[in-house]
PDB file of N, CA and C in Angstrom:
ATOM      1  N   UNK A   1     124.514  86.627 115.899  1.00  0.00           N
ATOM      2  CA  UNK A   1     122.803  85.912 115.499  1.00  0.00           C
ATOM      3  C   UNK A   1     122.034  86.889 116.662  1.00  0.00           C
ATOM      4  N   UNK A   2     121.574  86.206 117.295  1.00  0.00           N
ATOM      5  CA  UNK A   2     120.729  86.350 118.732  1.00  0.00           C
ATOM      6  C   UNK A   2     120.737  88.098 119.006  1.00  0.00           C
ATOM      7  N   UNK A   3     121.958  88.358 119.083  1.00  0.00           N
ATOM      8  CA  UNK A   3     121.853  89.920 119.149  1.00  0.00           C
ATOM      9  C   UNK A   3     120.849  91.043 118.450  1.00  0.00           C
ATOM     10  N   UNK A   4     121.264  90.486 117.219  1.00  0.00           N
ATOM     11  CA  UNK A   4     120.166  90.640 116.196  1.00  0.00           C
ATOM     12  C   UNK A   4     118.834  90.722 116.164  1.00  0.00           C
ATOM     13  N   UNK A   5     118.152  89.143 116.791  1.00  0.00           N
ATOM     14  CA  UNK A   5     117.288  89.022 116.866  1.00  0.00           C
ATOM     15  C   UNK A   5     116.234  89.464 118.387  1.00  0.00           C
ATOM     16  N   UNK A   6     117.195  89.809 119.436  1.00  0.00           N
ATOM     17  CA  UNK A   6     116.799  90.729 120.212  1.00  0.00           C
ATOM     18  C   UNK A   6     116.313  92.139 120.113  1.00  0.00           C
ATOM     19  N   UNK A   7     117.084  92.509 119.604  1.00  0.00           N
ATOM     20  CA  UNK A   7     117.085  93.871 118.820  1.00  0.00           C
ATOM     21  C   UNK A   7     116.029  93.976 117.876  1.00  0.00           C
ATOM     22  N   UNK A   8     115.443  93.407 116.611  1.00  0.00           N
ATOM     23  CA  UNK A   8     114.644  92.925 116.607  1.00  0.00           C
ATOM     24  C   UNK A   8     113.326  92.894 116.908  1.00  0.00           C
ATOM     25  N   UNK A   9     112.939  92.256 118.212  1.00  0.00           N
ATOM     26  CA  UNK A   9     112.125  92.096 118.918  1.00  0.00           C
ATOM     27  C   UNK A   9     111.813  93.353 119.507  1.00  0.00           C
ATOM     28  N   UNK A  10     113.038  94.014 120.456  1.00  0.00           N
ATOM     29  CA  UNK A  10     112.844  94.990 120.888  1.00  0.00           C
ATOM     30  C   UNK A  10     112.270  96.366 120.423  1.00  0.00           C
ATOM     31  N   UNK A  11     112.750  95.818 118.829  1.00  0.00           N
ATOM     32  CA  UNK A  11     112.072  97.312 118.084  1.00  0.00           C
ATOM     33  C   UNK A  11     110.596  97.262 117.426  1.00  0.00           C
ATOM     34  N   UNK A  12     109.756  95.846 117.675  1.00  0.00           N
ATOM     35  CA  UNK A  12     108.541  95.183 117.118  1.00  0.00           C
ATOM     36  C   UNK A  12     107.841  96.152 118.339  1.00  0.00           C
ATOM     37  N   UNK A  13     108.547  95.378 120.106  1.00  0.00           N
ATOM     38  CA  UNK A  13     107.815  95.448 121.011  1.00  0.00           C
ATOM     39  C   UNK A  13     107.502  97.094 121.577  1.00  0.00           C
ATOM     40  N   UNK A  14     108.224  97.819 120.948  1.00  0.00           N
ATOM     41  CA  UNK A  14     108.187  99.805 120.793  1.00  0.00           C
ATOM     42  C   UNK A  14     107.430  99.918 119.459  1.00  0.00           C
ATOM     43  N   UNK A  15     107.491  99.298 118.467  1.00  0.00           N
ATOM     44  CA  UNK A  15     106.559  99.451 117.185  1.00  0.00           C
ATOM     45  C   UNK A  15     104.494  99.298 117.895  1.00  0.00           C
ATOM     46  N   UNK A  16     104.586  98.283 118.573  1.00  0.00           N
ATOM     47  CA  UNK A  16     103.510  98.002 118.861  1.00  0.00           C
ATOM     48  C   UNK A  16     103.120  98.918 120.806  1.00  0.00           C
ATOM     49  N   UNK A  17     104.397  99.382 120.860  1.00  0.00           N
ATOM     50  CA  UNK A  17     103.587 100.265 121.862  1.00  0.00           C
ATOM     51  C   UNK A  17     103.207 101.593 121.391  1.00  0.00           C
ATOM     52  N   UNK A  18     104.027 102.017 119.996  1.00  0.00           N
ATOM     53  CA  UNK A  18     103.680 102.997 119.520  1.00  0.00           C
ATOM     54  C   UNK A  18     102.159 103.059 119.074  1.00  0.00           C
ATOM     55  N   UNK A  19     101.684 101.937 117.919  1.00  0.00           N
ATOM     56  CA  UNK A  19     100.461 101.537 118.226  1.00  0.00           C
ATOM     57  C   UNK A  19      99.551 101.882 119.251  1.00  0.00           C
ATOM     58  N   UNK A  20      99.672 101.413 120.415  1.00  0.00           N
ATOM     59  CA  UNK A  20      98.555 101.779 121.138  1.00  0.00           C
ATOM     60  C   UNK A  20      98.766 102.920 121.796  1.00  0.00           C
ATOM     61  N   UNK A  21      99.660 103.469 121.322  1.00  0.00           N
ATOM     62  CA  UNK A  21      99.865 104.626 121.835  1.00  0.00           C
ATOM     63  C   UNK A  21      98.952 106.024 121.052  1.00  0.00           C
ATOM     64  N   UNK A  22      98.912 105.775 119.556  1.00  0.00           N
ATOM     65  CA  UNK A  22      98.470 106.201 119.114  1.00  0.00           C
ATOM     66  C   UNK A  22      97.049 106.059 118.331  1.00  0.00           C
ATOM     67  N   UNK A  23      96.188 104.778 119.599  1.00  0.00           N
ATOM     68  CA  UNK A  23      94.910 104.574 120.153  1.00  0.00           C
ATOM     69  C   UNK A  23      94.445 105.763 121.020  1.00  0.00           C
ATOM     70  N   UNK A  24      95.222 105.705 122.222  1.00  0.00           N
ATOM     71  CA  UNK A  24      94.877 106.836 123.053  1.00  0.00           C
ATOM     72  C   UNK A  24      94.882 108.256 122.215  1.00  0.00           C
ATOM     73  N   UNK A  25      96.101 108.628 121.929  1.00  0.00           N
ATOM     74  CA  UNK A  25      96.656 109.782 120.862  1.00  0.00           C
ATOM     75  C   UNK A  25      94.572 110.094 120.340  1.00  0.00           C
ATOM     76  N   UNK A  26      94.607 109.392 119.675  1.00  0.00           N
ATOM     77  CA  UNK A  26      92.910 109.411 118.914  1.00  0.00           C
ATOM     78  C   UNK A  26      92.317 109.654 119.617  1.00  0.00           C
ATOM     79  N   UNK A  27      91.965 108.868 120.312  1.00  0.00           N
ATOM     80  CA  UNK A  27      90.607 109.374 121.467  1.00  0.00           C
ATOM     81  C   UNK A  27      91.253 110.663 122.315  1.00  0.00           C
ATOM     82  N   UNK A  28      92.139 111.208 122.586  1.00  0.00           N
ATOM     83  CA  UNK A  28      91.891 112.661 122.680  1.00  0.00           C
ATOM     84  C   UNK A  28      91.512 113.768 121.948  1.00  0.00           C
ATOM     85  N   UNK A  29      92.903 113.279 120.663  1.00  0.00           N
ATOM     86  CA  UNK A  29      92.314 114.232 119.577  1.00  0.00           C
ATOM     87  C   UNK A  29      90.742 114.595 119.191  1.00  0.00           C
ATOM     88  N   UNK A  30      90.431 113.207 119.601  1.00  0.00           N
ATOM     89  CA  UNK A  30      88.730 113.433 119.313  1.00  0.00           C
ATOM     90  C   UNK A  30      88.225 114.360 119.872  1.00  0.00           C
ATOM     91  N   UNK A  31      88.734 114.447 121.259  1.00  0.00           N
ATOM     92  CA  UNK A  31      87.692 115.121 122.464  1.00  0.00           C
ATOM     93  C   UNK A  31      88.136 116.799 122.441  1.00  0.00           C
ATOM     94  N   UNK A  32      89.423 116.802 121.627  1.00  0.00           N
ATOM     95  CA  UNK A  32      89.898 118.412 121.623  1.00  0.00           C
ATOM     96  C   UNK A  32      89.070 118.893 119.995  1.00  0.00           C
ATOM     97  N   UNK A  33      88.712 118.453 118.674  1.00  0.00           N
ATOM     98  CA  UNK A  33      88.131 118.194 117.940  1.00  0.00           C
ATOM     99  C   UNK A  33      86.642 118.526 118.370  1.00  0.00           C
ATOM    100  N   UNK A  34      85.920 117.538 119.451  1.00  0.00           N
ATOM    101  CA  UNK A  34      84.470 117.949 119.976  1.00  0.00           C
ATOM    102  C   UNK A  34      84.808 119.402 120.681  1.00  0.00           C
ATOM    103  N   UNK A  35      85.502 119.555 121.593  1.00  0.00           N
ATOM    104  CA  UNK A  35      85.615 120.877 122.436  1.00  0.00           C
ATOM    105  C   UNK A  35      85.454 121.720 121.321  1.00  0.00           C
ATOM    106  N   UNK A  36      86.641 121.891 120.036  1.00  0.00           N
ATOM    107  CA  UNK A  36      86.588 123.677 119.581  1.00  0.00           C
ATOM    108  C   UNK A  36      85.117 123.123 117.829  1.00  0.00           C
ATOM    109  N   UNK A  37      84.580 122.235 118.045  1.00  0.00           N
ATOM    110  CA  UNK A  37      83.243 122.194 117.355  1.00  0.00           C
ATOM    111  C   UNK A  37      82.351 122.675 117.953  1.00  0.00           C
ATOM    112  N   UNK A  38      82.450 122.282 119.533  1.00  0.00           N
ATOM    113  CA  UNK A  38      81.006 123.538 120.411  1.00  0.00           C
ATOM    114  C   UNK A  38      81.547 124.253 120.116  1.00  0.00           C
ATOM    115  N   UNK A  39      82.761 125.562 120.120  1.00  0.00           N
ATOM    116  CA  UNK A  39      82.464 126.571 119.940  1.00  0.00           C
ATOM    117  C   UNK A  39      82.092 127.543 119.006  1.00  0.00           C
ATOM    118  N   UNK A  40      82.229 126.988 117.859  1.00  0.00           N
ATOM    119  CA  UNK A  40      81.899 127.005 116.294  1.00  0.00           C
ATOM    120  C   UNK A  40      80.593 128.477 116.879  1.00  0.00           C
ATOM    121  N   UNK A  41      79.544 127.896 116.947  1.00  0.00           N
ATOM    122  CA  UNK A  41      78.715 128.682 117.065  1.00  0.00           C
ATOM    123  C   UNK A  41      78.865 130.095 117.888  1.00  0.00           C
ATOM    124  N   UNK A  42      79.404 129.856 118.622  1.00  0.00           N
ATOM    125  CA  UNK A  42      79.752 131.046 118.925  1.00  0.00           C
ATOM    126  C   UNK A  42      80.778 132.307 118.448  1.00  0.00           C
ATOM    127  N   UNK A  43      82.168 131.849 117.979  1.00  0.00           N
ATOM    128  CA  UNK A  43      83.066 132.252 117.735  1.00  0.00           C
ATOM    129  C   UNK A  43      82.795 132.323 115.815  1.00  0.00           C
ATOM    130  N   UNK A  44      82.247 133.754 115.815  1.00  0.00           N
ATOM    131  CA  UNK A  44      82.064 133.411 114.270  1.00  0.00           C
ATOM    132  C   UNK A  44      82.370 134.680 113.472  1.00  0.00           C
ATOM    133  N   UNK A  45      83.299 135.707 114.411  1.00  0.00           N
ATOM    134  CA  UNK A  45      83.836 136.990 114.092  1.00  0.00           C
ATOM    135  C   UNK A  45      85.448 135.697 112.666  1.00  0.00           C
ATOM    136  N   UNK A  46      85.708 137.024 112.581  1.00  0.00           N
ATOM    137  CA  UNK A  46      86.941 136.178 111.439  1.00  0.00           C
ATOM    138  C   UNK A  46      87.766 135.632 111.945  1.00  0.00           C
ATOM    139  N   UNK A  47      88.441 136.562 113.290  1.00  0.00           N
ATOM    140  CA  UNK A  47      89.229 135.759 114.307  1.00  0.00           C
ATOM    141  C   UNK A  47      88.718 134.131 114.564  1.00  0.00           C
ATOM    142  N   UNK A  48      87.767 133.749 114.577  1.00  0.00           N
ATOM    143  CA  UNK A  48      86.788 132.754 114.796  1.00  0.00           C
ATOM    144  C   UNK A  48      87.553 132.000 113.665  1.00  0.00           C
ATOM    145  N   UNK A  49      87.024 132.833 112.616  1.00  0.00           N
ATOM    146  CA  UNK A  49      86.932 131.618 110.993  1.00  0.00           C
ATOM    147  C   UNK A  49      88.536 131.283 110.696  1.00  0.00           C
ATOM    148  N   UNK A  50      89.492 132.254 111.088  1.00  0.00           N
ATOM    149  CA  UNK A  50      90.410 132.067 110.726  1.00  0.00           C
ATOM    150  C   UNK A  50      91.108 130.999 111.599  1.00  0.00           C
ATOM    151  N   UNK A  51      90.819 130.786 113.034  1.00  0.00           N
ATOM    152  CA  UNK A  51      90.735 129.990 113.819  1.00  0.00           C
ATOM    153  C   UNK A  51      90.618 128.377 113.419  1.00  0.00           C
ATOM    154  N   UNK A  52      89.293 128.004 112.987  1.00  0.00           N
ATOM    155  CA  UNK A  52      88.860 126.916 112.659  1.00  0.00           C
ATOM    156  C   UNK A  52      89.337 126.765 111.600  1.00  0.00           C
ATOM    157  N   UNK A  53      89.516 127.536 110.444  1.00  0.00           N
ATOM    158  CA  UNK A  53      90.088 126.918 109.459  1.00  0.00           C
ATOM    159  C   UNK A  53      92.081 126.379 110.093  1.00  0.00           C
ATOM    160  N   UNK A  54      92.731 127.163 110.338  1.00  0.00           N
ATOM    161  CA  UNK A  54      94.282 126.587 110.623  1.00  0.00           C
ATOM    162  C   UNK A  54      93.785 125.242 111.376  1.00  0.00           C
ATOM    163  N   UNK A  55      92.607 125.662 112.236  1.00  0.00           N
ATOM    164  CA  UNK A  55      92.537 123.918 113.305  1.00  0.00           C
ATOM    165  C   UNK A  55      92.115 123.304 112.306  1.00  0.00           C
ATOM    166  N   UNK A  56      91.573 123.254 111.275  1.00  0.00           N
ATOM    167  CA  UNK A  56      91.170 121.963 110.473  1.00  0.00           C
ATOM    168  C   UNK A  56      92.194 121.786 109.666  1.00  0.00           C
ATOM    169  N   UNK A  57      93.387 122.513 109.438  1.00  0.00           N
ATOM    170  CA  UNK A  57      94.337 122.277 108.142  1.00  0.00           C
ATOM    171  C   UNK A  57      95.027 121.323 109.662  1.00  0.00           C
ATOM    172  N   UNK A  58      95.738 121.838 110.345  1.00  0.00           N
ATOM    173  CA  UNK A  58      96.193 121.278 111.471  1.00  0.00           C
ATOM    174  C   UNK A  58      95.814 119.681 111.845  1.00  0.00           C
ATOM    175  N   UNK A  59      94.540 119.561 112.301  1.00  0.00           N
ATOM    176  CA  UNK A  59      94.369 118.038 112.591  1.00  0.00           C
ATOM    177  C   UNK A  59      94.195 117.575 111.648  1.00  0.00           C
ATOM    178  N   UNK A  60      94.405 117.925 110.244  1.00  0.00           N
ATOM    179  CA  UNK A  60      94.281 117.065 109.166  1.00  0.00           C
ATOM    180  C   UNK A  60      95.941 116.318 109.036  1.00  0.00           C
ATOM    181  N   UNK A  61      96.522 117.362 109.813  1.00  0.00           N
ATOM    182  CA  UNK A  61      98.078 116.705 109.925  1.00  0.00           C
ATOM    183  C   UNK A  61      98.202 115.356 110.507  1.00  0.00           C
ATOM    184  N   UNK A  62      97.713 116.103 112.136  1.00  0.00           N
ATOM    185  CA  UNK A  62      97.700 115.633 113.587  1.00  0.00           C
ATOM    186  C   UNK A  62      97.109 114.199 113.381  1.00  0.00           C
ATOM    187  N   UNK A  63      96.225 114.097 112.142  1.00  0.00           N
ATOM    188  CA  UNK A  63      95.187 112.762 113.090  1.00  0.00           C
ATOM    189  C   UNK A  63      96.097 111.789 111.528  1.00  0.00           C
ATOM    190  N   UNK A  64      96.319 111.891 110.897  1.00  0.00           N
ATOM    191  CA  UNK A  64      96.893 111.312 109.531  1.00  0.00           C
ATOM    192  C   UNK A  64      98.541 110.835 110.078  1.00  0.00           C
ATOM    193  N   UNK A  65      98.774 111.875 111.055  1.00  0.00           N
ATOM    194  CA  UNK A  65      99.854 111.192 111.887  1.00  0.00           C
ATOM    195  C   UNK A  65      99.698 109.992 112.797  1.00  0.00           C
ATOM    196  N   UNK A  66      98.911 109.232 112.943  1.00  0.00           N
ATOM    197  CA  UNK A  66      98.541 108.679 114.419  1.00  0.00           C
ATOM    198  C   UNK A  66      98.435 106.671 113.232  1.00  0.00           C
ATOM    199  N   UNK A  67      97.904 107.601 111.965  1.00  0.00           N
ATOM    200  CA  UNK A  67      97.696 106.496 111.501  1.00  0.00           C
ATOM    201  C   UNK A  67      98.986 105.878 110.566  1.00  0.00           C
ATOM    202  N   UNK A  68      99.884 106.510 110.663  1.00  0.00           N
ATOM    203  CA  UNK A  68     101.621 106.538 110.091  1.00  0.00           C
ATOM    204  C   UNK A  68     102.044 106.119 111.178  1.00  0.00           C
ATOM    205  N   UNK A  69     101.965 106.017 112.333  1.00  0.00           N
ATOM    206  CA  UNK A  69     102.179 105.139 113.288  1.00  0.00           C
ATOM    207  C   UNK A  69     101.942 104.007 113.536  1.00  0.00           C
ATOM    208  N   UNK A  70     100.847 103.832 113.854  1.00  0.00           N
ATOM    209  CA  UNK A  70     100.222 102.364 113.269  1.00  0.00           C
ATOM    210  C   UNK A  70     100.344 101.596 111.885  1.00  0.00           C
ATOM    211  N   UNK A  71     100.830 102.690 110.650  1.00  0.00           N
ATOM    212  CA  UNK A  71     101.553 101.555 109.456  1.00  0.00           C
ATOM    213  C   UNK A  71     102.511 101.598 109.973  1.00  0.00           C
ATOM    214  N   UNK A  72     103.536 102.498 110.403  1.00  0.00           N
ATOM    215  CA  UNK A  72     104.944 102.059 110.812  1.00  0.00           C
ATOM    216  C   UNK A  72     105.097 100.617 111.418  1.00  0.00           C
ATOM    217  N   UNK A  73     104.051 100.351 112.540  1.00  0.00           N
ATOM    218  CA  UNK A  73     104.465  99.294 113.645  1.00  0.00           C
ATOM    219  C   UNK A  73     104.245  97.998 112.419  1.00  0.00           C
ATOM    220  N   UNK A  74     102.831  97.738 111.634  1.00  0.00           N
ATOM    221  CA  UNK A  74     102.685  97.121 110.856  1.00  0.00           C
ATOM    222  C   UNK A  74     104.141  96.436 109.733  1.00  0.00           C
ATOM    223  N   UNK A  75     105.028  97.535 109.498  1.00  0.00           N
ATOM    224  CA  UNK A  75     105.680  97.302 108.821  1.00  0.00           C
ATOM    225  C   UNK A  75     107.021  97.017 109.330  1.00  0.00           C
ATOM    226  N   UNK A  76     107.204  97.469 110.988  1.00  0.00           N
ATOM    227  CA  UNK A  76     108.141  96.541 111.642  1.00  0.00           C
ATOM    228  C   UNK A  76     107.990  95.698 111.705  1.00  0.00           C
ATOM    229  N   UNK A  77     106.957  94.995 112.188  1.00  0.00           N
ATOM    230  CA  UNK A  77     106.329  93.779 112.612  1.00  0.00           C
ATOM    231  C   UNK A  77     106.754  92.666 110.846  1.00  0.00           C
ATOM    232  N   UNK A  78     106.014  93.308 109.874  1.00  0.00           N
ATOM    233  CA  UNK A  78     106.457  92.184 108.892  1.00  0.00           C
ATOM    234  C   UNK A  78     107.722  92.463 108.705  1.00  0.00           C
ATOM    235  N   UNK A  79     108.695  93.140 108.755  1.00  0.00           N
ATOM    236  CA  UNK A  79     109.950  93.071 108.757  1.00  0.00           C
ATOM    237  C   UNK A  79     111.027  92.107 109.322  1.00  0.00           C
ATOM    238  N   UNK A  80     110.050  92.277 110.636  1.00  0.00           N
ATOM    239  CA  UNK A  80     110.920  91.641 112.121  1.00  0.00           C
ATOM    240  C   UNK A  80     110.190  89.952 111.221  1.00  0.00           C
ATOM    241  N   UNK A  81     109.425  89.354 111.242  1.00  0.00           N
ATOM    242  CA  UNK A  81     108.878  88.008 110.491  1.00  0.00           C
ATOM    243  C   UNK A  81     109.706  87.524 109.831  1.00  0.00           C
ATOM    244  N   UNK A  82     109.981  88.222 108.312  1.00  0.00           N
ATOM    245  CA  UNK A  82     110.968  88.190 107.840  1.00  0.00           C
ATOM    246  C   UNK A  82     112.108  87.853 107.464  1.00  0.00           C
ATOM    247  N   UNK A  83     112.783  88.755 108.279  1.00  0.00           N
ATOM    248  CA  UNK A  83     114.038  88.832 108.791  1.00  0.00           C
ATOM    249  C   UNK A  83     114.110  87.544 109.580  1.00  0.00           C
ATOM    250  N   UNK A  84     113.512  87.348 110.749  1.00  0.00           N
ATOM    251  CA  UNK A  84     113.535  86.109 111.814  1.00  0.00           C
ATOM    252  C   UNK A  84     113.037  84.596 110.463  1.00  0.00           C
ATOM    253  N   UNK A  85     112.618  84.661 109.766  1.00  0.00           N
ATOM    254  CA  UNK A  85     112.655  83.456 108.689  1.00  0.00           C
ATOM    255  C   UNK A  85     113.447  82.935 108.048  1.00  0.00           C
ATOM    256  N   UNK A  86     114.024  84.436 107.370  1.00  0.00           N
ATOM    257  CA  UNK A  86     115.764  83.769 106.810  1.00  0.00           C
ATOM    258  C   UNK A  86     116.510  83.381 107.901  1.00  0.00           C
ATOM    259  N   UNK A  87     116.429  83.989 109.183  1.00  0.00           N
ATOM    260  CA  UNK A  87     117.572  83.799 109.783  1.00  0.00           C
ATOM    261  C   UNK A  87     117.372  82.078 109.860  1.00  0.00           C
ATOM    262  N   UNK A  88     116.125  81.991 110.628  1.00  0.00           N
ATOM    263  CA  UNK A  88     115.483  80.479 110.720  1.00  0.00           C
ATOM    264  C   UNK A  88     116.622  79.551 109.214  1.00  0.00           C
ATOM    265  N   UNK A  89     115.723  79.934 108.261  1.00  0.00           N
ATOM    266  CA  UNK A  89     116.460  79.266 107.644  1.00  0.00           C
ATOM    267  C   UNK A  89     117.910  79.159 106.888  1.00  0.00           C
ATOM    268  N   UNK A  90     118.387  80.192 107.707  1.00  0.00           N
ATOM    269  CA  UNK A  90     120.347  79.916 107.159  1.00  0.00           C
ATOM    270  C   UNK A  90     120.444  78.882 108.543  1.00  0.00           C
ATOM    271  N   UNK A  91     120.116  79.704 109.936  1.00  0.00           N
ATOM    272  CA  UNK A  91     120.602  78.008 110.606  1.00  0.00           C
ATOM    273  C   UNK A  91     120.415  76.912 110.167  1.00  0.00           C
ATOM    274  N   UNK A  92     119.559  76.520 110.036  1.00  0.00           N
ATOM    275  CA  UNK A  92     118.264  75.002 109.117  1.00  0.00           C
ATOM    276  C   UNK A  92     119.891  74.475 108.386  1.00  0.00           C
ATOM    277  N   UNK A  93     120.302  75.338 107.820  1.00  0.00           N
ATOM    278  CA  UNK A  93     121.418  74.822 107.215  1.00  0.00           C
ATOM    279  C   UNK A  93     122.966  73.713 107.666  1.00  0.00           C
ATOM    280  N   UNK A  94     122.532  74.990 108.998  1.00  0.00           N
ATOM    281  CA  UNK A  94     123.901  74.063 109.395  1.00  0.00           C
ATOM    282  C   UNK A  94     123.597  73.144 110.959  1.00  0.00           C
ATOM    283  N   UNK A  95     122.623  72.531 110.471  1.00  0.00           N
ATOM    284  CA  UNK A  95     122.138  71.353 111.550  1.00  0.00           C
ATOM    285  C   UNK A  95     122.706  70.222 110.630  1.00  0.00           C
TER     286      UNK A  95
END
């Protein structure tokens, strides 16, 4: 039983670390988007338009990944809490 708790606590720590990294990830992503936005007035030909369209499509996917990572961290933490509560209840029956 102790191993399960240790493993689940490690999983929560990893999920929190991922969520913290997602914040850094968002910050860096914002810098990239800003740099791309600065190019728009200067790159107006068809190739530029194609690049900006592709960038926006990919940006939306990548931006969503940061939120998905945070959501995963929250889900892992809630599951861990629920599991720990269930284990505590089970163990109290043996007292």
